[in-house]
Amino acid sequence: MIVALVVACEVAFWVLLLAGLALRYLAKMPRLGTAVLLCEPLLEVVLLVVTVLDLRNGARPDWKHGLAAVYIGFTVVMAHRTLRWLDVRFAHRYAGGPAPVKPPKYGWARAKHEWQSAGRWILACAIAAGLLQGAVWMVGASGDVSSLREWQVRMGIVTVICLIIAASYTLFPKKEPAEAVVVERPGALTER
């Protein structure tokens, strides 16, 4: 049941997101669109409540409960950014808004962008790990919490990967390609 609820929450997330943006930009009802978008956090609350009730009613903790915690952690952190990303594109396409700004490609600006991205992923991992720890405490010493601990280890691995990626952009920044300079000389054009 938990897996079906996670899938239903993900589908409902995208339905609410697209419906809210369609109401805002296509139907020209921005207040109703915002109201629909504000319903999205209720999905995580429902998933959290159902997962807690399932564990409290004696369900053996397994990978499904871990998946629910990870889904909630990542949605709490990433949903707003996803909404803003799509909102800018909808506004540009359907409401004459400015074109979306592309992330920087080179140097310190790119490294900063990667650290910000890593920070979001690490925060999502921390929230998921905290929810998993709460589930471990709820189950107590009498239950087998190894599957929940495995999810915590996975969140640690994702955190390390994020740190490595961000550090690589800092230590080995991608340099902007040198532009070909055309120098005029009598009788020939050469590139330098």
N, C-alpha and C. Protein backbone atom coordinates (compact mmCIF):
# COMPACT_ATOMS: atom_id res chain seq x y z
N MET A 1 0.82 -1.20 0.00
CA MET A 1 0.00 0.00 0.00
C MET A 1 0.86 1.26 0.00
N ILE A 2 1.99 1.24 0.72
CA ILE A 2 2.84 2.42 0.82
C ILE A 2 3.42 2.77 -0.56
N VAL A 3 3.86 1.76 -1.30
CA VAL A 3 4.43 2.02 -2.63
C VAL A 3 3.38 2.63 -3.55
N ALA A 4 2.18 2.10 -3.51
CA ALA A 4 1.10 2.66 -4.33
C ALA A 4 0.83 4.11 -3.95
N LEU A 5 0.91 4.40 -2.66
CA LEU A 5 0.69 5.78 -2.21
C LEU A 5 1.82 6.71 -2.66
N VAL A 6 3.06 6.22 -2.63
CA VAL A 6 4.18 7.02 -3.12
C VAL A 6 3.99 7.34 -4.60
N VAL A 7 3.61 6.32 -5.38
CA VAL A 7 3.37 6.53 -6.81
C VAL A 7 2.21 7.50 -7.01
N ALA A 8 1.14 7.33 -6.25
CA ALA A 8 -0.01 8.23 -6.36
C ALA A 8 0.37 9.66 -6.00
N CYS A 9 1.22 9.83 -4.98
CA CYS A 9 1.67 11.17 -4.60
C CYS A 9 2.50 11.81 -5.71
N GLU A 10 3.35 11.02 -6.35
CA GLU A 10 4.17 11.55 -7.44
C GLU A 10 3.30 11.97 -8.62
N VAL A 11 2.35 11.12 -8.98
CA VAL A 11 1.45 11.46 -10.08
C VAL A 11 0.62 12.69 -9.72
N ALA A 12 0.11 12.72 -8.51
CA ALA A 12 -0.71 13.86 -8.06
C ALA A 12 0.13 15.14 -8.02
N PHE A 13 1.40 15.02 -7.65
CA PHE A 13 2.29 16.19 -7.64
C PHE A 13 2.33 16.83 -9.02
N TRP A 14 2.56 16.03 -10.05
CA TRP A 14 2.66 16.57 -11.41
C TRP A 14 1.31 17.05 -11.92
N VAL A 15 0.24 16.37 -11.56
CA VAL A 15 -1.09 16.82 -11.97
C VAL A 15 -1.40 18.18 -11.35
N LEU A 16 -1.15 18.30 -10.04
CA LEU A 16 -1.39 19.59 -9.37
C LEU A 16 -0.50 20.69 -9.94
N LEU A 17 0.75 20.36 -10.20
CA LEU A 17 1.69 21.33 -10.73
C LEU A 17 1.24 21.83 -12.09
N LEU A 18 0.93 20.93 -12.98
CA LEU A 18 0.51 21.32 -14.33
C LEU A 18 -0.86 22.00 -14.32
N ALA A 19 -1.77 21.50 -13.47
CA ALA A 19 -3.10 22.13 -13.38
C ALA A 19 -2.98 23.55 -12.83
N GLY A 20 -2.17 23.73 -11.80
CA GLY A 20 -1.99 25.07 -11.23
C GLY A 20 -1.40 26.04 -12.22
N LEU A 21 -0.39 25.59 -12.96
CA LEU A 21 0.23 26.47 -13.95
C LEU A 21 -0.71 26.73 -15.14
N ALA A 22 -1.46 25.72 -15.53
CA ALA A 22 -2.43 25.91 -16.62
C ALA A 22 -3.50 26.91 -16.20
N LEU A 23 -3.97 26.81 -14.97
CA LEU A 23 -4.96 27.78 -14.48
C LEU A 23 -4.36 29.18 -14.42
N ARG A 24 -3.13 29.25 -13.98
CA ARG A 24 -2.48 30.55 -13.83
C ARG A 24 -2.24 31.24 -15.17
N TYR A 25 -1.76 30.49 -16.16
CA TYR A 25 -1.34 31.12 -17.42
C TYR A 25 -2.29 30.90 -18.59
N LEU A 26 -2.87 29.74 -18.70
CA LEU A 26 -3.74 29.48 -19.85
C LEU A 26 -5.16 29.96 -19.60
N ALA A 27 -5.69 29.69 -18.40
CA ALA A 27 -7.06 30.10 -18.08
C ALA A 27 -7.11 31.51 -17.49
N LYS A 28 -5.95 32.11 -17.26
CA LYS A 28 -5.87 33.47 -16.71
C LYS A 28 -6.57 33.60 -15.37
N MET A 29 -6.41 32.56 -14.53
CA MET A 29 -6.96 32.57 -13.17
C MET A 29 -5.81 32.35 -12.18
N PRO A 30 -5.00 33.39 -11.96
CA PRO A 30 -3.80 33.22 -11.13
C PRO A 30 -4.09 32.83 -9.68
N ARG A 31 -5.15 33.35 -9.11
CA ARG A 31 -5.45 33.01 -7.70
C ARG A 31 -5.85 31.55 -7.57
N LEU A 32 -6.69 31.08 -8.46
CA LEU A 32 -7.09 29.67 -8.42
C LEU A 32 -5.88 28.78 -8.69
N GLY A 33 -5.03 29.18 -9.63
CA GLY A 33 -3.81 28.43 -9.91
C GLY A 33 -2.92 28.33 -8.69
N THR A 34 -2.76 29.44 -7.98
CA THR A 34 -1.96 29.44 -6.75
C THR A 34 -2.59 28.54 -5.69
N ALA A 35 -3.91 28.59 -5.57
CA ALA A 35 -4.60 27.73 -4.59
C ALA A 35 -4.36 26.25 -4.90
N VAL A 36 -4.41 25.90 -6.17
CA VAL A 36 -4.15 24.50 -6.56
C VAL A 36 -2.70 24.12 -6.22
N LEU A 37 -1.77 25.02 -6.51
CA LEU A 37 -0.36 24.74 -6.21
C LEU A 37 -0.10 24.61 -4.71
N LEU A 38 -0.85 25.35 -3.92
CA LEU A 38 -0.68 25.27 -2.46
C LEU A 38 -1.22 23.97 -1.87
N CYS A 39 -1.97 23.20 -2.65
CA CYS A 39 -2.47 21.91 -2.18
C CYS A 39 -1.38 20.83 -2.22
N GLU A 40 -0.31 21.08 -2.94
CA GLU A 40 0.74 20.07 -3.12
C GLU A 40 1.33 19.58 -1.80
N PRO A 41 1.66 20.44 -0.83
CA PRO A 41 2.23 19.92 0.42
C PRO A 41 1.32 18.94 1.17
N LEU A 42 0.02 18.99 0.90
CA LEU A 42 -0.89 18.04 1.54
C LEU A 42 -0.55 16.60 1.14
N LEU A 43 0.00 16.43 -0.04
CA LEU A 43 0.38 15.08 -0.48
C LEU A 43 1.42 14.47 0.45
N GLU A 44 2.42 15.26 0.81
CA GLU A 44 3.47 14.76 1.70
C GLU A 44 2.91 14.49 3.10
N VAL A 45 2.00 15.35 3.53
CA VAL A 45 1.39 15.15 4.86
C VAL A 45 0.61 13.83 4.88
N VAL A 46 -0.17 13.58 3.84
CA VAL A 46 -0.94 12.33 3.76
C VAL A 46 0.01 11.14 3.76
N LEU A 47 1.07 11.20 2.95
CA LEU A 47 2.02 10.09 2.89
C LEU A 47 2.69 9.87 4.24
N LEU A 48 3.07 10.95 4.91
CA LEU A 48 3.71 10.83 6.22
C LEU A 48 2.75 10.21 7.23
N VAL A 49 1.52 10.68 7.27
CA VAL A 49 0.54 10.16 8.22
C VAL A 49 0.27 8.68 7.97
N VAL A 50 0.08 8.31 6.72
CA VAL A 50 -0.20 6.89 6.40
C VAL A 50 0.99 6.01 6.77
N THR A 51 2.19 6.48 6.51
CA THR A 51 3.39 5.69 6.84
C THR A 51 3.52 5.53 8.35
N VAL A 52 3.32 6.61 9.10
CA VAL A 52 3.40 6.54 10.56
C VAL A 52 2.33 5.59 11.10
N LEU A 53 1.11 5.71 10.60
CA LEU A 53 0.04 4.82 11.07
C LEU A 53 0.34 3.37 10.75
N ASP A 54 0.91 3.13 9.57
CA ASP A 54 1.27 1.76 9.20
C ASP A 54 2.29 1.18 10.17
N LEU A 55 3.29 1.96 10.51
CA LEU A 55 4.31 1.48 11.46
C LEU A 55 3.74 1.34 12.88
N ARG A 56 2.90 2.28 13.27
CA ARG A 56 2.29 2.21 14.61
C ARG A 56 1.35 1.02 14.76
N ASN A 57 0.74 0.61 13.65
CA ASN A 57 -0.18 -0.54 13.71
C ASN A 57 0.56 -1.87 13.61
N GLY A 58 1.88 -1.82 13.74
CA GLY A 58 2.64 -3.06 13.83
C GLY A 58 3.23 -3.58 12.53
N ALA A 59 3.18 -2.81 11.48
CA ALA A 59 3.79 -3.27 10.23
C ALA A 59 5.30 -3.38 10.41
N ARG A 60 5.86 -4.41 9.81
CA ARG A 60 7.31 -4.60 9.88
C ARG A 60 7.97 -3.57 8.96
N PRO A 61 8.90 -2.75 9.48
CA PRO A 61 9.53 -1.74 8.63
C PRO A 61 10.32 -2.40 7.50
N ASP A 62 10.11 -1.94 6.29
CA ASP A 62 10.85 -2.48 5.16
C ASP A 62 11.20 -1.37 4.19
N TRP A 63 11.64 -1.72 3.01
CA TRP A 63 12.12 -0.75 2.04
C TRP A 63 11.03 0.25 1.65
N LYS A 64 9.76 -0.16 1.74
CA LYS A 64 8.66 0.73 1.34
C LYS A 64 8.56 1.93 2.28
N HIS A 65 8.75 1.70 3.57
CA HIS A 65 8.70 2.79 4.53
C HIS A 65 9.90 3.73 4.31
N GLY A 66 11.04 3.14 3.99
CA GLY A 66 12.22 3.95 3.67
C GLY A 66 12.00 4.79 2.43
N LEU A 67 11.38 4.19 1.41
CA LEU A 67 11.08 4.92 0.18
C LEU A 67 10.17 6.10 0.46
N ALA A 68 9.18 5.91 1.31
CA ALA A 68 8.26 7.00 1.66
C ALA A 68 9.02 8.15 2.32
N ALA A 69 9.93 7.83 3.24
CA ALA A 69 10.71 8.87 3.92
C ALA A 69 11.60 9.62 2.94
N VAL A 70 12.23 8.89 2.03
CA VAL A 70 13.11 9.52 1.04
C VAL A 70 12.28 10.39 0.09
N TYR A 71 11.14 9.89 -0.34
CA TYR A 71 10.27 10.67 -1.23
C TYR A 71 9.87 11.98 -0.56
N ILE A 72 9.47 11.91 0.70
CA ILE A 72 9.05 13.11 1.42
C ILE A 72 10.23 14.09 1.53
N GLY A 73 11.40 13.58 1.92
CA GLY A 73 12.57 14.45 2.07
C GLY A 73 12.92 15.18 0.78
N PHE A 74 12.91 14.45 -0.32
CA PHE A 74 13.28 15.07 -1.59
C PHE A 74 12.18 15.99 -2.11
N THR A 75 10.95 15.65 -1.89
CA THR A 75 9.86 16.51 -2.35
C THR A 75 9.82 17.82 -1.56
N VAL A 76 10.05 17.74 -0.26
CA VAL A 76 10.05 18.94 0.57
C VAL A 76 11.09 19.94 0.06
N VAL A 77 12.26 19.45 -0.34
CA VAL A 77 13.33 20.34 -0.78
C VAL A 77 13.20 20.70 -2.26
N MET A 78 12.88 19.75 -3.11
CA MET A 78 12.95 19.97 -4.55
C MET A 78 11.64 20.48 -5.19
N ALA A 79 10.52 20.31 -4.54
CA ALA A 79 9.24 20.67 -5.17
C ALA A 79 9.17 22.16 -5.50
N HIS A 80 9.60 23.01 -4.57
CA HIS A 80 9.52 24.45 -4.80
C HIS A 80 10.41 24.86 -5.98
N ARG A 81 11.59 24.29 -6.04
CA ARG A 81 12.51 24.61 -7.15
C ARG A 81 11.93 24.13 -8.48
N THR A 82 11.33 22.94 -8.48
CA THR A 82 10.70 22.42 -9.69
C THR A 82 9.56 23.34 -10.13
N LEU A 83 8.78 23.79 -9.17
CA LEU A 83 7.68 24.71 -9.47
C LEU A 83 8.21 26.01 -10.08
N ARG A 84 9.25 26.58 -9.48
CA ARG A 84 9.81 27.82 -10.03
C ARG A 84 10.37 27.60 -11.44
N TRP A 85 11.04 26.46 -11.65
CA TRP A 85 11.60 26.15 -12.96
C TRP A 85 10.51 26.10 -14.03
N LEU A 86 9.41 25.40 -13.71
CA LEU A 86 8.31 25.30 -14.66
C LEU A 86 7.55 26.62 -14.79
N ASP A 87 7.41 27.34 -13.70
CA ASP A 87 6.68 28.60 -13.73
C ASP A 87 7.34 29.60 -14.68
N VAL A 88 8.65 29.69 -14.64
CA VAL A 88 9.36 30.61 -15.53
C VAL A 88 9.12 30.21 -16.98
N ARG A 89 9.13 28.93 -17.26
CA ARG A 89 8.93 28.47 -18.63
C ARG A 89 7.49 28.69 -19.10
N PHE A 90 6.53 28.44 -18.22
CA PHE A 90 5.13 28.72 -18.57
C PHE A 90 4.93 30.22 -18.80
N ALA A 91 5.48 31.03 -17.91
CA ALA A 91 5.33 32.48 -18.04
C ALA A 91 5.95 32.97 -19.35
N HIS A 92 7.09 32.42 -19.72
CA HIS A 92 7.75 32.82 -20.97
C HIS A 92 6.92 32.38 -22.17
N ARG A 93 6.43 31.18 -22.12
CA ARG A 93 5.72 30.61 -23.28
C ARG A 93 4.31 31.19 -23.45
N TYR A 94 3.60 31.33 -22.33
CA TYR A 94 2.18 31.68 -22.43
C TYR A 94 1.82 33.08 -21.93
N ALA A 95 2.75 33.77 -21.26
CA ALA A 95 2.38 35.08 -20.72
C ALA A 95 3.39 36.17 -21.08
N GLY A 96 4.26 35.89 -22.03
CA GLY A 96 5.20 36.91 -22.47
C GLY A 96 6.26 37.25 -21.46
N GLY A 97 6.51 36.35 -20.53
CA GLY A 97 7.54 36.59 -19.52
C GLY A 97 8.94 36.48 -20.11
N PRO A 98 9.94 36.86 -19.32
CA PRO A 98 11.31 36.80 -19.81
C PRO A 98 11.74 35.35 -20.05
N ALA A 99 12.71 35.19 -20.94
CA ALA A 99 13.24 33.86 -21.23
C ALA A 99 13.94 33.31 -19.99
N PRO A 100 13.88 32.00 -19.78
CA PRO A 100 14.56 31.40 -18.63
C PRO A 100 16.07 31.65 -18.70
N VAL A 101 16.65 31.90 -17.56
CA VAL A 101 18.09 32.12 -17.48
C VAL A 101 18.77 30.76 -17.35
N LYS A 102 19.75 30.52 -18.19
CA LYS A 102 20.48 29.26 -18.15
C LYS A 102 21.54 29.33 -17.07
N PRO A 103 21.84 28.20 -16.44
CA PRO A 103 22.89 28.22 -15.41
C PRO A 103 24.24 28.53 -16.03
N PRO A 104 25.14 29.10 -15.25
CA PRO A 104 26.47 29.41 -15.78
C PRO A 104 27.20 28.13 -16.18
N LYS A 105 28.10 28.26 -17.14
CA LYS A 105 28.82 27.09 -17.65
C LYS A 105 30.27 27.01 -17.18
N TYR A 106 30.84 28.16 -16.79
CA TYR A 106 32.27 28.18 -16.59
C TYR A 106 32.67 28.83 -15.27
N GLY A 107 33.87 28.49 -14.83
CA GLY A 107 34.53 29.15 -13.73
C GLY A 107 33.84 29.07 -12.39
N TRP A 108 34.10 30.12 -11.59
CA TRP A 108 33.58 30.16 -10.23
C TRP A 108 32.05 30.21 -10.22
N ALA A 109 31.45 30.87 -11.20
CA ALA A 109 29.99 30.93 -11.25
C ALA A 109 29.39 29.53 -11.36
N ARG A 110 30.00 28.67 -12.16
CA ARG A 110 29.51 27.30 -12.29
C ARG A 110 29.74 26.52 -11.00
N ALA A 111 30.90 26.71 -10.39
CA ALA A 111 31.19 26.04 -9.12
C ALA A 111 30.18 26.44 -8.05
N LYS A 112 29.87 27.73 -7.99
CA LYS A 112 28.88 28.21 -7.03
C LYS A 112 27.52 27.57 -7.29
N HIS A 113 27.13 27.50 -8.57
CA HIS A 113 25.87 26.85 -8.95
C HIS A 113 25.86 25.39 -8.50
N GLU A 114 26.96 24.68 -8.69
CA GLU A 114 27.04 23.27 -8.30
C GLU A 114 26.98 23.10 -6.78
N TRP A 115 27.60 24.02 -6.03
CA TRP A 115 27.52 23.94 -4.57
C TRP A 115 26.10 24.20 -4.07
N GLN A 116 25.40 25.13 -4.72
CA GLN A 116 24.01 25.38 -4.34
C GLN A 116 23.15 24.16 -4.63
N SER A 117 23.37 23.55 -5.77
CA SER A 117 22.64 22.33 -6.13
C SER A 117 22.96 21.21 -5.14
N ALA A 118 24.23 21.05 -4.82
CA ALA A 118 24.64 20.02 -3.86
C ALA A 118 24.00 20.29 -2.50
N GLY A 119 23.92 21.55 -2.12
CA GLY A 119 23.30 21.90 -0.84
C GLY A 119 21.84 21.46 -0.78
N ARG A 120 21.12 21.65 -1.88
CA ARG A 120 19.72 21.22 -1.91
C ARG A 120 19.62 19.70 -1.78
N TRP A 121 20.45 18.99 -2.53
CA TRP A 121 20.41 17.52 -2.46
C TRP A 121 20.80 17.03 -1.07
N ILE A 122 21.80 17.66 -0.47
CA ILE A 122 22.24 17.25 0.86
C ILE A 122 21.15 17.54 1.89
N LEU A 123 20.47 18.68 1.76
CA LEU A 123 19.36 18.98 2.67
C LEU A 123 18.25 17.94 2.51
N ALA A 124 17.95 17.55 1.28
CA ALA A 124 16.93 16.52 1.05
C ALA A 124 17.35 15.21 1.70
N CYS A 125 18.62 14.86 1.57
CA CYS A 125 19.13 13.63 2.20
C CYS A 125 19.03 13.72 3.72
N ALA A 126 19.34 14.89 4.27
CA ALA A 126 19.28 15.08 5.72
C ALA A 126 17.84 14.94 6.23
N ILE A 127 16.90 15.53 5.52
CA ILE A 127 15.49 15.40 5.93
C ILE A 127 15.05 13.95 5.85
N ALA A 128 15.40 13.28 4.76
CA ALA A 128 15.05 11.86 4.62
C ALA A 128 15.68 11.03 5.73
N ALA A 129 16.96 11.28 6.01
CA ALA A 129 17.65 10.53 7.07
C ALA A 129 17.00 10.80 8.43
N GLY A 130 16.58 12.05 8.65
CA GLY A 130 15.89 12.38 9.91
C GLY A 130 14.55 11.66 10.03
N LEU A 131 13.79 11.62 8.94
CA LEU A 131 12.52 10.89 8.96
C LEU A 131 12.76 9.39 9.19
N LEU A 132 13.80 8.88 8.56
CA LEU A 132 14.14 7.46 8.77
C LEU A 132 14.53 7.21 10.22
N GLN A 133 15.29 8.14 10.81
CA GLN A 133 15.66 7.97 12.22
C GLN A 133 14.43 8.03 13.11
N GLY A 134 13.49 8.92 12.78
CA GLY A 134 12.24 8.96 13.54
C GLY A 134 11.50 7.64 13.47
N ALA A 135 11.50 7.02 12.29
CA ALA A 135 10.85 5.71 12.14
C ALA A 135 11.58 4.65 12.96
N VAL A 136 12.92 4.73 12.99
CA VAL A 136 13.70 3.78 13.80
C VAL A 136 13.32 3.92 15.27
N TRP A 137 13.23 5.14 15.76
CA TRP A 137 12.86 5.36 17.16
C TRP A 137 11.43 4.91 17.43
N MET A 138 10.55 5.11 16.46
CA MET A 138 9.16 4.70 16.64
C MET A 138 9.04 3.19 16.76
N VAL A 139 9.79 2.48 15.91
CA VAL A 139 9.74 1.01 15.94
C VAL A 139 10.37 0.50 17.23
N GLY A 140 11.44 1.15 17.67
CA GLY A 140 12.09 0.77 18.91
C GLY A 140 13.04 -0.40 18.74
N ALA A 141 13.62 -0.79 19.85
CA ALA A 141 14.63 -1.85 19.84
C ALA A 141 14.03 -3.22 19.55
N SER A 142 12.74 -3.35 19.70
CA SER A 142 12.12 -4.67 19.51
C SER A 142 11.93 -5.05 18.05
N GLY A 143 12.02 -4.08 17.15
CA GLY A 143 11.76 -4.35 15.73
C GLY A 143 13.04 -4.38 14.91
N ASP A 144 12.93 -4.98 13.73
CA ASP A 144 14.05 -5.03 12.79
C ASP A 144 14.02 -3.77 11.93
N VAL A 145 15.01 -2.93 12.16
CA VAL A 145 15.06 -1.65 11.44
C VAL A 145 16.19 -1.62 10.41
N SER A 146 16.69 -2.78 10.05
CA SER A 146 17.84 -2.83 9.14
C SER A 146 17.52 -2.19 7.78
N SER A 147 16.30 -2.36 7.28
CA SER A 147 15.96 -1.76 5.99
C SER A 147 15.96 -0.24 6.07
N LEU A 148 15.53 0.30 7.20
CA LEU A 148 15.55 1.76 7.38
C LEU A 148 16.99 2.27 7.48
N ARG A 149 17.83 1.51 8.17
CA ARG A 149 19.25 1.88 8.28
C ARG A 149 19.92 1.84 6.90
N GLU A 150 19.53 0.88 6.06
CA GLU A 150 20.09 0.81 4.71
C GLU A 150 19.76 2.07 3.91
N TRP A 151 18.54 2.57 4.07
CA TRP A 151 18.16 3.82 3.40
C TRP A 151 19.00 4.99 3.92
N GLN A 152 19.29 4.99 5.22
CA GLN A 152 20.13 6.06 5.76
C GLN A 152 21.54 6.01 5.16
N VAL A 153 22.06 4.81 4.98
CA VAL A 153 23.37 4.67 4.34
C VAL A 153 23.32 5.19 2.91
N ARG A 154 22.25 4.88 2.20
CA ARG A 154 22.09 5.38 0.82
C ARG A 154 22.08 6.91 0.79
N MET A 155 21.43 7.52 1.77
CA MET A 155 21.40 8.98 1.82
C MET A 155 22.80 9.52 2.09
N GLY A 156 23.58 8.81 2.88
CA GLY A 156 24.98 9.19 3.10
C GLY A 156 25.79 9.10 1.82
N ILE A 157 25.55 8.06 1.04
CA ILE A 157 26.27 7.89 -0.24
C ILE A 157 25.90 9.01 -1.21
N VAL A 158 24.62 9.34 -1.29
CA VAL A 158 24.20 10.44 -2.17
C VAL A 158 24.86 11.75 -1.72
N THR A 159 24.95 11.97 -0.43
CA THR A 159 25.59 13.17 0.10
C THR A 159 27.05 13.24 -0.32
N VAL A 160 27.76 12.13 -0.19
CA VAL A 160 29.18 12.10 -0.58
C VAL A 160 29.33 12.36 -2.08
N ILE A 161 28.48 11.76 -2.89
CA ILE A 161 28.53 11.99 -4.34
C ILE A 161 28.31 13.46 -4.66
N CYS A 162 27.33 14.08 -4.01
CA CYS A 162 27.06 15.51 -4.23
C CYS A 162 28.28 16.36 -3.86
N LEU A 163 28.92 16.03 -2.76
CA LEU A 163 30.11 16.78 -2.34
C LEU A 163 31.25 16.61 -3.33
N ILE A 164 31.42 15.40 -3.84
CA ILE A 164 32.49 15.14 -4.81
C ILE A 164 32.24 15.94 -6.10
N ILE A 165 31.01 15.92 -6.58
CA ILE A 165 30.69 16.65 -7.82
C ILE A 165 30.93 18.14 -7.63
N ALA A 166 30.42 18.71 -6.54
CA ALA A 166 30.61 20.14 -6.31
C ALA A 166 32.08 20.48 -6.13
N ALA A 167 32.82 19.66 -5.40
CA ALA A 167 34.25 19.91 -5.19
C ALA A 167 35.01 19.83 -6.51
N SER A 168 34.60 18.94 -7.39
CA SER A 168 35.31 18.82 -8.67
C SER A 168 35.18 20.10 -9.49
N TYR A 169 34.04 20.78 -9.42
CA TYR A 169 33.87 22.04 -10.14
C TYR A 169 34.68 23.16 -9.49
N THR A 170 34.98 23.01 -8.20
CA THR A 170 35.80 24.00 -7.52
C THR A 170 37.28 23.77 -7.79
N LEU A 171 37.71 22.52 -7.69
CA LEU A 171 39.11 22.19 -7.88
C LEU A 171 39.55 22.21 -9.34
N PHE A 172 38.64 21.81 -10.21
CA PHE A 172 38.95 21.75 -11.64
C PHE A 172 37.89 22.53 -12.43
N PRO A 173 37.87 23.85 -12.27
CA PRO A 173 36.82 24.63 -12.93
C PRO A 173 36.91 24.53 -14.45
N LYS A 174 35.77 24.44 -15.06
CA LYS A 174 35.70 24.40 -16.51
C LYS A 174 35.99 25.81 -17.02
N LYS A 175 36.95 25.89 -17.92
CA LYS A 175 37.35 27.20 -18.43
C LYS A 175 36.60 27.52 -19.71
N GLU A 176 36.32 28.80 -19.83
CA GLU A 176 35.63 29.28 -21.02
C GLU A 176 36.56 29.10 -22.22
N PRO A 177 36.03 28.58 -23.32
CA PRO A 177 36.90 28.38 -24.49
C PRO A 177 37.38 29.74 -25.02
N ALA A 178 38.63 29.72 -25.43
CA ALA A 178 39.21 30.95 -25.99
C ALA A 178 38.59 31.20 -27.36
N GLU A 179 38.19 32.42 -27.58
CA GLU A 179 37.60 32.76 -28.87
C GLU A 179 38.71 33.01 -29.88
N ALA A 180 38.45 32.61 -31.09
CA ALA A 180 39.43 32.85 -32.15
C ALA A 180 39.47 34.34 -32.45
N VAL A 181 40.64 34.89 -32.44
CA VAL A 181 40.82 36.31 -32.72
C VAL A 181 41.33 36.43 -34.15
N VAL A 182 40.64 37.21 -34.93
CA VAL A 182 41.05 37.42 -36.31
C VAL A 182 41.88 38.69 -36.38
N VAL A 183 43.10 38.53 -36.86
CA VAL A 183 44.01 39.67 -36.97
C VAL A 183 44.21 39.95 -38.45
N GLU A 184 44.01 41.20 -38.82
CA GLU A 184 44.18 41.57 -40.23
C GLU A 184 45.62 41.95 -40.48
N ARG A 185 46.19 41.28 -41.47
CA ARG A 185 47.54 41.63 -41.91
C ARG A 185 47.45 41.91 -43.40
N PRO A 186 48.31 42.70 -43.82
CA PRO A 186 48.27 42.96 -45.27
C PRO A 186 48.43 41.67 -46.06
N GLY A 187 47.48 41.37 -46.85
CA GLY A 187 47.56 40.22 -47.75
C GLY A 187 46.98 38.93 -47.21
N ALA A 188 46.70 38.80 -45.86
CA ALA A 188 46.18 37.52 -45.33
C ALA A 188 45.45 37.75 -44.03
N LEU A 189 44.55 36.80 -43.73
CA LEU A 189 43.86 36.76 -42.43
C LEU A 189 44.41 35.56 -41.70
N THR A 190 44.78 35.74 -40.47
CA THR A 190 45.28 34.61 -39.67
C THR A 190 44.53 34.58 -38.35
N GLU A 191 44.50 33.39 -37.76
CA GLU A 191 43.88 33.23 -36.44
C GLU A 191 44.96 33.12 -35.41
N ARG A 192 44.69 33.68 -34.28
CA ARG A 192 45.65 33.58 -33.20
C ARG A 192 45.00 32.94 -32.01
